[in-house]
Amino acid sequence: MHCSPRGFSAVCNKILYIYVIEFIYSKILALGFNEKFIRTWEYYFDYCAAGFKSYTLGNYQVVFSRPGNASAFSNPYKSFPPAC
């Protein structure tokens, strides 16, 4: 098997994916978390990804404020430059 620098084959992509996952797992395990923790978060992220993709989950931002507090409804991102 040869992984050319111009493009990865499906096999090379799979091998690279496995190395990256093993690296990430080793970092998480080194922080003191166990494999059950990793599996729980993987399940949560997969559940969320499927929910967003199928439009059964959404994302909302709710602001609670005292009456008369107009600053709670200002744009906190107005000082950031536009993305484009």
PDB file of N, CA and C in Angstrom:
ATOM      1  N   MET A   1       0.835  -1.176   0.000  1.00  0.00           N
ATOM      2  CA  MET A   1       0.000   0.000   0.000  1.00  0.00           C
ATOM      3  C   MET A   1       0.879   1.238   0.000  1.00  0.00           C
ATOM      4  N   HIS A   2       0.486   2.204  -0.803  1.00  0.00           N
ATOM      5  CA  HIS A   2       1.255   3.439  -0.887  1.00  0.00           C
ATOM      6  C   HIS A   2       0.306   4.627  -0.778  1.00  0.00           C
ATOM      7  N   CYS A   3       0.581   5.516   0.153  1.00  0.00           N
ATOM      8  CA  CYS A   3      -0.220   6.738   0.300  1.00  0.00           C
ATOM      9  C   CYS A   3       0.514   7.862  -0.404  1.00  0.00           C
ATOM     10  N   SER A   4       0.027   8.233  -1.569  1.00  0.00           N
ATOM     11  CA  SER A   4       0.699   9.278  -2.324  1.00  0.00           C
ATOM     12  C   SER A   4       0.400  10.642  -1.716  1.00  0.00           C
ATOM     13  N   PRO A   5       1.316  11.590  -1.836  1.00  0.00           N
ATOM     14  CA  PRO A   5       1.071  12.925  -1.295  1.00  0.00           C
ATOM     15  C   PRO A   5       0.013  13.704  -2.065  1.00  0.00           C
ATOM     16  N   ARG A   6      -0.288  13.287  -3.288  1.00  0.00           N
ATOM     17  CA  ARG A   6      -1.281  14.008  -4.093  1.00  0.00           C
ATOM     18  C   ARG A   6      -2.700  13.717  -3.657  1.00  0.00           C
ATOM     19  N   GLY A   7      -2.932  12.571  -3.095  1.00  0.00           N
ATOM     20  CA  GLY A   7      -4.292  12.219  -2.670  1.00  0.00           C
ATOM     21  C   GLY A   7      -4.281  10.935  -1.872  1.00  0.00           C
ATOM     22  N   PHE A   8      -5.070  10.916  -0.847  1.00  0.00           N
ATOM     23  CA  PHE A   8      -5.143   9.716  -0.012  1.00  0.00           C
ATOM     24  C   PHE A   8      -6.151   8.757  -0.601  1.00  0.00           C
ATOM     25  N   SER A   9      -5.808   7.504  -0.546  1.00  0.00           N
ATOM     26  CA  SER A   9      -6.776   6.484  -0.924  1.00  0.00           C
ATOM     27  C   SER A   9      -7.707   6.267   0.262  1.00  0.00           C
ATOM     28  N   ALA A  10      -8.763   5.496   0.053  1.00  0.00           N
ATOM     29  CA  ALA A  10      -9.704   5.211   1.139  1.00  0.00           C
ATOM     30  C   ALA A  10      -9.002   4.485   2.284  1.00  0.00           C
ATOM     31  N   VAL A  11      -8.071   3.610   1.953  1.00  0.00           N
ATOM     32  CA  VAL A  11      -7.331   2.871   2.975  1.00  0.00           C
ATOM     33  C   VAL A  11      -6.454   3.828   3.781  1.00  0.00           C
ATOM     34  N   CYS A  12      -5.787   4.745   3.115  1.00  0.00           N
ATOM     35  CA  CYS A  12      -4.931   5.709   3.807  1.00  0.00           C
ATOM     36  C   CYS A  12      -5.761   6.631   4.699  1.00  0.00           C
ATOM     37  N   ASN A  13      -6.928   7.040   4.220  1.00  0.00           N
ATOM     38  CA  ASN A  13      -7.801   7.868   5.040  1.00  0.00           C
ATOM     39  C   ASN A  13      -8.231   7.135   6.295  1.00  0.00           C
ATOM     40  N   LYS A  14      -8.541   5.856   6.160  1.00  0.00           N
ATOM     41  CA  LYS A  14      -8.956   5.050   7.317  1.00  0.00           C
ATOM     42  C   LYS A  14      -7.808   4.918   8.314  1.00  0.00           C
ATOM     43  N   ILE A  15      -6.608   4.681   7.825  1.00  0.00           N
ATOM     44  CA  ILE A  15      -5.443   4.556   8.702  1.00  0.00           C
ATOM     45  C   ILE A  15      -5.180   5.878   9.419  1.00  0.00           C
ATOM     46  N   LEU A  16      -5.232   6.975   8.694  1.00  0.00           N
ATOM     47  CA  LEU A  16      -5.035   8.289   9.298  1.00  0.00           C
ATOM     48  C   LEU A  16      -6.102   8.553  10.357  1.00  0.00           C
ATOM     49  N   TYR A  17      -7.345   8.216  10.060  1.00  0.00           N
ATOM     50  CA  TYR A  17      -8.447   8.398  11.007  1.00  0.00           C
ATOM     51  C   TYR A  17      -8.189   7.609  12.291  1.00  0.00           C
ATOM     52  N   ILE A  18      -7.731   6.379  12.150  1.00  0.00           N
ATOM     53  CA  ILE A  18      -7.454   5.536  13.324  1.00  0.00           C
ATOM     54  C   ILE A  18      -6.343   6.149  14.166  1.00  0.00           C
ATOM     55  N   TYR A  19      -5.282   6.632  13.541  1.00  0.00           N
ATOM     56  CA  TYR A  19      -4.192   7.266  14.291  1.00  0.00           C
ATOM     57  C   TYR A  19      -4.666   8.512  15.029  1.00  0.00           C
ATOM     58  N   VAL A  20      -5.485   9.314  14.380  1.00  0.00           N
ATOM     59  CA  VAL A  20      -5.991  10.537  15.016  1.00  0.00           C
ATOM     60  C   VAL A  20      -6.880  10.186  16.201  1.00  0.00           C
ATOM     61  N   ILE A  21      -7.780   9.221  16.034  1.00  0.00           N
ATOM     62  CA  ILE A  21      -8.665   8.809  17.117  1.00  0.00           C
ATOM     63  C   ILE A  21      -7.856   8.247  18.285  1.00  0.00           C
ATOM     64  N   GLU A  22      -6.867   7.411  18.000  1.00  0.00           N
ATOM     65  CA  GLU A  22      -6.035   6.863  19.073  1.00  0.00           C
ATOM     66  C   GLU A  22      -5.283   7.969  19.804  1.00  0.00           C
ATOM     67  N   PHE A  23      -4.822   8.977  19.076  1.00  0.00           N
ATOM     68  CA  PHE A  23      -4.120  10.107  19.696  1.00  0.00           C
ATOM     69  C   PHE A  23      -5.071  10.880  20.615  1.00  0.00           C
ATOM     70  N   ILE A  24      -6.270  11.158  20.112  1.00  0.00           N
ATOM     71  CA  ILE A  24      -7.251  11.894  20.911  1.00  0.00           C
ATOM     72  C   ILE A  24      -7.646  11.078  22.137  1.00  0.00           C
ATOM     73  N   TYR A  25      -7.905   9.783  21.972  1.00  0.00           N
ATOM     74  CA  TYR A  25      -8.272   8.938  23.105  1.00  0.00           C
ATOM     75  C   TYR A  25      -7.162   8.929  24.154  1.00  0.00           C
ATOM     76  N   SER A  26      -5.913   8.854  23.715  1.00  0.00           N
ATOM     77  CA  SER A  26      -4.818   8.811  24.682  1.00  0.00           C
ATOM     78  C   SER A  26      -4.754  10.108  25.482  1.00  0.00           C
ATOM     79  N   LYS A  27      -5.038  11.239  24.833  1.00  0.00           N
ATOM     80  CA  LYS A  27      -5.047  12.530  25.542  1.00  0.00           C
ATOM     81  C   LYS A  27      -6.189  12.589  26.564  1.00  0.00           C
ATOM     82  N   ILE A  28      -7.362  12.104  26.173  1.00  0.00           N
ATOM     83  CA  ILE A  28      -8.513  12.111  27.089  1.00  0.00           C
ATOM     84  C   ILE A  28      -8.272  11.168  28.256  1.00  0.00           C
ATOM     85  N   LEU A  29      -7.752   9.985  27.975  1.00  0.00           N
ATOM     86  CA  LEU A  29      -7.461   9.020  29.039  1.00  0.00           C
ATOM     87  C   LEU A  29      -6.392   9.561  29.987  1.00  0.00           C
ATOM     88  N   ALA A  30      -5.423  10.292  29.442  1.00  0.00           N
ATOM     89  CA  ALA A  30      -4.363  10.867  30.271  1.00  0.00           C
ATOM     90  C   ALA A  30      -4.912  11.925  31.234  1.00  0.00           C
ATOM     91  N   LEU A  31      -6.058  12.515  30.903  1.00  0.00           N
ATOM     92  CA  LEU A  31      -6.680  13.492  31.791  1.00  0.00           C
ATOM     93  C   LEU A  31      -7.432  12.834  32.943  1.00  0.00           C
ATOM     94  N   GLY A  32      -7.512  11.501  32.911  1.00  0.00           N
ATOM     95  CA  GLY A  32      -8.152  10.774  34.004  1.00  0.00           C
ATOM     96  C   GLY A  32      -9.549  10.276  33.704  1.00  0.00           C
ATOM     97  N   PHE A  33     -10.021  10.484  32.484  1.00  0.00           N
ATOM     98  CA  PHE A  33     -11.343   9.988  32.110  1.00  0.00           C
ATOM     99  C   PHE A  33     -11.230   8.561  31.605  1.00  0.00           C
ATOM    100  N   ASN A  34     -12.292   7.774  31.793  1.00  0.00           N
ATOM    101  CA  ASN A  34     -12.242   6.377  31.349  1.00  0.00           C
ATOM    102  C   ASN A  34     -12.947   6.209  30.003  1.00  0.00           C
ATOM    103  N   GLU A  35     -12.929   4.991  29.489  1.00  0.00           N
ATOM    104  CA  GLU A  35     -13.504   4.738  28.166  1.00  0.00           C
ATOM    105  C   GLU A  35     -15.021   4.863  28.159  1.00  0.00           C
ATOM    106  N   LYS A  36     -15.666   4.587  29.297  1.00  0.00           N
ATOM    107  CA  LYS A  36     -17.118   4.775  29.375  1.00  0.00           C
ATOM    108  C   LYS A  36     -17.462   6.247  29.166  1.00  0.00           C
ATOM    109  N   PHE A  37     -16.666   7.152  29.718  1.00  0.00           N
ATOM    110  CA  PHE A  37     -16.872   8.586  29.518  1.00  0.00           C
ATOM    111  C   PHE A  37     -16.776   8.933  28.035  1.00  0.00           C
ATOM    112  N   ILE A  38     -15.762   8.396  27.353  1.00  0.00           N
ATOM    113  CA  ILE A  38     -15.568   8.681  25.926  1.00  0.00           C
ATOM    114  C   ILE A  38     -16.753   8.166  25.116  1.00  0.00           C
ATOM    115  N   ARG A  39     -17.188   6.938  25.410  1.00  0.00           N
ATOM    116  CA  ARG A  39     -18.322   6.362  24.674  1.00  0.00           C
ATOM    117  C   ARG A  39     -19.603   7.158  24.910  1.00  0.00           C
ATOM    118  N   THR A  40     -19.796   7.642  26.144  1.00  0.00           N
ATOM    119  CA  THR A  40     -20.982   8.435  26.455  1.00  0.00           C
ATOM    120  C   THR A  40     -21.001   9.723  25.639  1.00  0.00           C
ATOM    121  N   TRP A  41     -19.854  10.404  25.567  1.00  0.00           N
ATOM    122  CA  TRP A  41     -19.785  11.643  24.791  1.00  0.00           C
ATOM    123  C   TRP A  41     -19.916  11.379  23.301  1.00  0.00           C
ATOM    124  N   GLU A  42     -19.342  10.282  22.817  1.00  0.00           N
ATOM    125  CA  GLU A  42     -19.501   9.941  21.396  1.00  0.00           C
ATOM    126  C   GLU A  42     -20.975   9.715  21.070  1.00  0.00           C
ATOM    127  N   TYR A  43     -21.683   9.008  21.960  1.00  0.00           N
ATOM    128  CA  TYR A  43     -23.110   8.777  21.757  1.00  0.00           C
ATOM    129  C   TYR A  43     -23.859  10.110  21.743  1.00  0.00           C
ATOM    130  N   TYR A  44     -23.546  10.983  22.690  1.00  0.00           N
ATOM    131  CA  TYR A  44     -24.195  12.288  22.767  1.00  0.00           C
ATOM    132  C   TYR A  44     -23.964  13.095  21.491  1.00  0.00           C
ATOM    133  N   PHE A  45     -22.719  13.152  21.020  1.00  0.00           N
ATOM    134  CA  PHE A  45     -22.415  13.921  19.815  1.00  0.00           C
ATOM    135  C   PHE A  45     -23.083  13.318  18.585  1.00  0.00           C
ATOM    136  N   ASP A  46     -23.092  11.997  18.472  1.00  0.00           N
ATOM    137  CA  ASP A  46     -23.769  11.345  17.345  1.00  0.00           C
ATOM    138  C   ASP A  46     -25.269  11.594  17.386  1.00  0.00           C
ATOM    139  N   TYR A  47     -25.861  11.539  18.591  1.00  0.00           N
ATOM    140  CA  TYR A  47     -27.287  11.811  18.757  1.00  0.00           C
ATOM    141  C   TYR A  47     -27.605  13.236  18.314  1.00  0.00           C
ATOM    142  N   CYS A  48     -26.781  14.182  18.754  1.00  0.00           N
ATOM    143  CA  CYS A  48     -27.000  15.585  18.375  1.00  0.00           C
ATOM    144  C   CYS A  48     -26.829  15.787  16.869  1.00  0.00           C
ATOM    145  N   ALA A  49     -25.793  15.188  16.298  1.00  0.00           N
ATOM    146  CA  ALA A  49     -25.561  15.332  14.857  1.00  0.00           C
ATOM    147  C   ALA A  49     -26.752  14.799  14.064  1.00  0.00           C
ATOM    148  N   ALA A  50     -27.254  13.647  14.456  1.00  0.00           N
ATOM    149  CA  ALA A  50     -28.410  13.068  13.756  1.00  0.00           C
ATOM    150  C   ALA A  50     -29.647  13.936  13.951  1.00  0.00           C
ATOM    151  N   GLY A  51     -29.830  14.461  15.154  1.00  0.00           N
ATOM    152  CA  GLY A  51     -30.980  15.317  15.424  1.00  0.00           C
ATOM    153  C   GLY A  51     -30.956  16.600  14.624  1.00  0.00           C
ATOM    154  N   PHE A  52     -29.791  17.239  14.529  1.00  0.00           N
ATOM    155  CA  PHE A  52     -29.693  18.465  13.736  1.00  0.00           C
ATOM    156  C   PHE A  52     -29.860  18.173  12.248  1.00  0.00           C
ATOM    157  N   LYS A  53     -29.292  17.058  11.801  1.00  0.00           N
ATOM    158  CA  LYS A  53     -29.377  16.725  10.379  1.00  0.00           C
ATOM    159  C   LYS A  53     -30.818  16.426   9.957  1.00  0.00           C
ATOM    160  N   SER A  54     -31.573  15.802  10.857  1.00  0.00           N
ATOM    161  CA  SER A  54     -32.959  15.447  10.534  1.00  0.00           C
ATOM    162  C   SER A  54     -33.946  16.539  10.946  1.00  0.00           C
ATOM    163  N   TYR A  55     -33.438  17.663  11.431  1.00  0.00           N
ATOM    164  CA  TYR A  55     -34.261  18.802  11.850  1.00  0.00           C
ATOM    165  C   TYR A  55     -35.212  18.462  12.999  1.00  0.00           C
ATOM    166  N   THR A  56     -34.861  17.469  13.818  1.00  0.00           N
ATOM    167  CA  THR A  56     -35.657  17.170  15.007  1.00  0.00           C
ATOM    168  C   THR A  56     -35.098  17.889  16.230  1.00  0.00           C
ATOM    169  N   LEU A  57     -33.898  18.409  16.129  1.00  0.00           N
ATOM    170  CA  LEU A  57     -33.306  19.233  17.176  1.00  0.00           C
ATOM    171  C   LEU A  57     -33.059  20.618  16.614  1.00  0.00           C
ATOM    172  N   GLY A  58     -33.117  21.597  17.468  1.00  0.00           N
ATOM    173  CA  GLY A  58     -32.842  22.964  17.047  1.00  0.00           C
ATOM    174  C   GLY A  58     -31.958  23.647  18.076  1.00  0.00           C
ATOM    175  N   ASN A  59     -31.591  24.854  17.767  1.00  0.00           N
ATOM    176  CA  ASN A  59     -30.727  25.616  18.648  1.00  0.00           C
ATOM    177  C   ASN A  59     -31.396  26.962  18.919  1.00  0.00           C
ATOM    178  N   TYR A  60     -31.621  27.251  20.176  1.00  0.00           N
ATOM    179  CA  TYR A  60     -32.267  28.500  20.564  1.00  0.00           C
ATOM    180  C   TYR A  60     -31.426  29.207  21.611  1.00  0.00           C
ATOM    181  N   GLN A  61     -31.512  30.502  21.638  1.00  0.00           N
ATOM    182  CA  GLN A  61     -30.858  31.287  22.675  1.00  0.00           C
ATOM    183  C   GLN A  61     -31.945  32.067  23.401  1.00  0.00           C
ATOM    184  N   VAL A  62     -32.022  31.865  24.710  1.00  0.00           N
ATOM    185  CA  VAL A  62     -33.035  32.515  25.520  1.00  0.00           C
ATOM    186  C   VAL A  62     -32.333  33.493  26.445  1.00  0.00           C
ATOM    187  N   VAL A  63     -32.846  34.708  26.509  1.00  0.00           N
ATOM    188  CA  VAL A  63     -32.267  35.730  27.375  1.00  0.00           C
ATOM    189  C   VAL A  63     -33.275  36.068  28.468  1.00  0.00           C
ATOM    190  N   PHE A  64     -32.852  35.920  29.716  1.00  0.00           N
ATOM    191  CA  PHE A  64     -33.670  36.312  30.855  1.00  0.00           C
ATOM    192  C   PHE A  64     -33.095  37.600  31.409  1.00  0.00           C
ATOM    193  N   SER A  65     -33.969  38.557  31.690  1.00  0.00           N
ATOM    194  CA  SER A  65     -33.515  39.844  32.181  1.00  0.00           C
ATOM    195  C   SER A  65     -34.589  40.476  33.042  1.00  0.00           C
ATOM    196  N   ARG A  66     -34.175  41.383  33.886  1.00  0.00           N
ATOM    197  CA  ARG A  66     -35.134  42.144  34.686  1.00  0.00           C
ATOM    198  C   ARG A  66     -35.826  43.164  33.783  1.00  0.00           C
ATOM    199  N   PRO A  67     -37.045  43.550  34.122  1.00  0.00           N
ATOM    200  CA  PRO A  67     -37.750  44.573  33.335  1.00  0.00           C
ATOM    201  C   PRO A  67     -36.944  45.876  33.274  1.00  0.00           C
ATOM    202  N   GLY A  68     -36.872  46.448  32.087  1.00  0.00           N
ATOM    203  CA  GLY A  68     -36.173  47.709  31.900  1.00  0.00           C
ATOM    204  C   GLY A  68     -34.695  47.581  31.592  1.00  0.00           C
ATOM    205  N   ASN A  69     -34.164  46.370  31.553  1.00  0.00           N
ATOM    206  CA  ASN A  69     -32.749  46.167  31.272  1.00  0.00           C
ATOM    207  C   ASN A  69     -32.563  46.009  29.765  1.00  0.00           C
ATOM    208  N   ALA A  70     -32.512  47.112  29.048  1.00  0.00           N
ATOM    209  CA  ALA A  70     -32.401  47.082  27.590  1.00  0.00           C
ATOM    210  C   ALA A  70     -31.048  46.569  27.126  1.00  0.00           C
ATOM    211  N   SER A  71     -30.016  46.666  27.944  1.00  0.00           N
ATOM    212  CA  SER A  71     -28.683  46.211  27.520  1.00  0.00           C
ATOM    213  C   SER A  71     -28.626  44.701  27.320  1.00  0.00           C
ATOM    214  N   ALA A  72     -29.551  43.974  27.925  1.00  0.00           N
ATOM    215  CA  ALA A  72     -29.568  42.521  27.747  1.00  0.00           C
ATOM    216  C   ALA A  72     -29.906  42.142  26.313  1.00  0.00           C
ATOM    217  N   PHE A  73     -30.544  43.049  25.581  1.00  0.00           N
ATOM    218  CA  PHE A  73     -30.963  42.745  24.219  1.00  0.00           C
ATOM    219  C   PHE A  73     -30.095  43.409  23.162  1.00  0.00           C
ATOM    220  N   SER A  74     -28.972  43.953  23.584  1.00  0.00           N
ATOM    221  CA  SER A  74     -28.062  44.549  22.605  1.00  0.00           C
ATOM    222  C   SER A  74     -27.287  43.443  21.901  1.00  0.00           C
ATOM    223  N   ASN A  75     -26.614  43.798  20.847  1.00  0.00           N
ATOM    224  CA  ASN A  75     -25.847  42.831  20.063  1.00  0.00           C
ATOM    225  C   ASN A  75     -24.446  42.701  20.660  1.00  0.00           C
ATOM    226  N   PRO A  76     -24.136  41.565  21.301  1.00  0.00           N
ATOM    227  CA  PRO A  76     -22.812  41.422  21.918  1.00  0.00           C
ATOM    228  C   PRO A  76     -21.703  41.235  20.893  1.00  0.00           C
ATOM    229  N   TYR A  77     -22.051  40.995  19.624  1.00  0.00           N
ATOM    230  CA  TYR A  77     -21.060  40.735  18.590  1.00  0.00           C
ATOM    231  C   TYR A  77     -20.795  41.950  17.699  1.00  0.00           C
ATOM    232  N   LYS A  78     -21.367  43.112  18.021  1.00  0.00           N
ATOM    233  CA  LYS A  78     -21.233  44.266  17.145  1.00  0.00           C
ATOM    234  C   LYS A  78     -19.799  44.765  17.026  1.00  0.00           C
ATOM    235  N   SER A  79     -18.946  44.459  18.011  1.00  0.00           N
ATOM    236  CA  SER A  79     -17.549  44.900  17.942  1.00  0.00           C
ATOM    237  C   SER A  79     -16.680  43.967  17.091  1.00  0.00           C
ATOM    238  N   PHE A  80     -17.225  42.813  16.678  1.00  0.00           N
ATOM    239  CA  PHE A  80     -16.461  41.869  15.860  1.00  0.00           C
ATOM    240  C   PHE A  80     -16.578  42.243  14.388  1.00  0.00           C
ATOM    241  N   PRO A  81     -15.514  42.074  13.614  1.00  0.00           N
ATOM    242  CA  PRO A  81     -15.618  42.343  12.168  1.00  0.00           C
ATOM    243  C   PRO A  81     -16.478  41.289  11.493  1.00  0.00           C
ATOM    244  N   PRO A  82     -17.092  41.621  10.371  1.00  0.00           N
ATOM    245  CA  PRO A  82     -17.924  40.624   9.681  1.00  0.00           C
ATOM    246  C   PRO A  82     -17.066  39.469   9.152  1.00  0.00           C
ATOM    247  N   ALA A  83     -17.714  38.329   8.969  1.00  0.00           N
ATOM    248  CA  ALA A  83     -17.003  37.122   8.537  1.00  0.00           C
ATOM    249  C   ALA A  83     -16.517  37.220   7.098  1.00  0.00           C
ATOM    250  N   CYS A  84     -17.214  37.957   6.266  1.00  0.00           N
ATOM    251  CA  CYS A  84     -16.838  38.027   4.849  1.00  0.00           C
ATOM    252  C   CYS A  84     -16.150  39.318   4.523  1.00  0.00           C
TER     253      CYS A  84
END
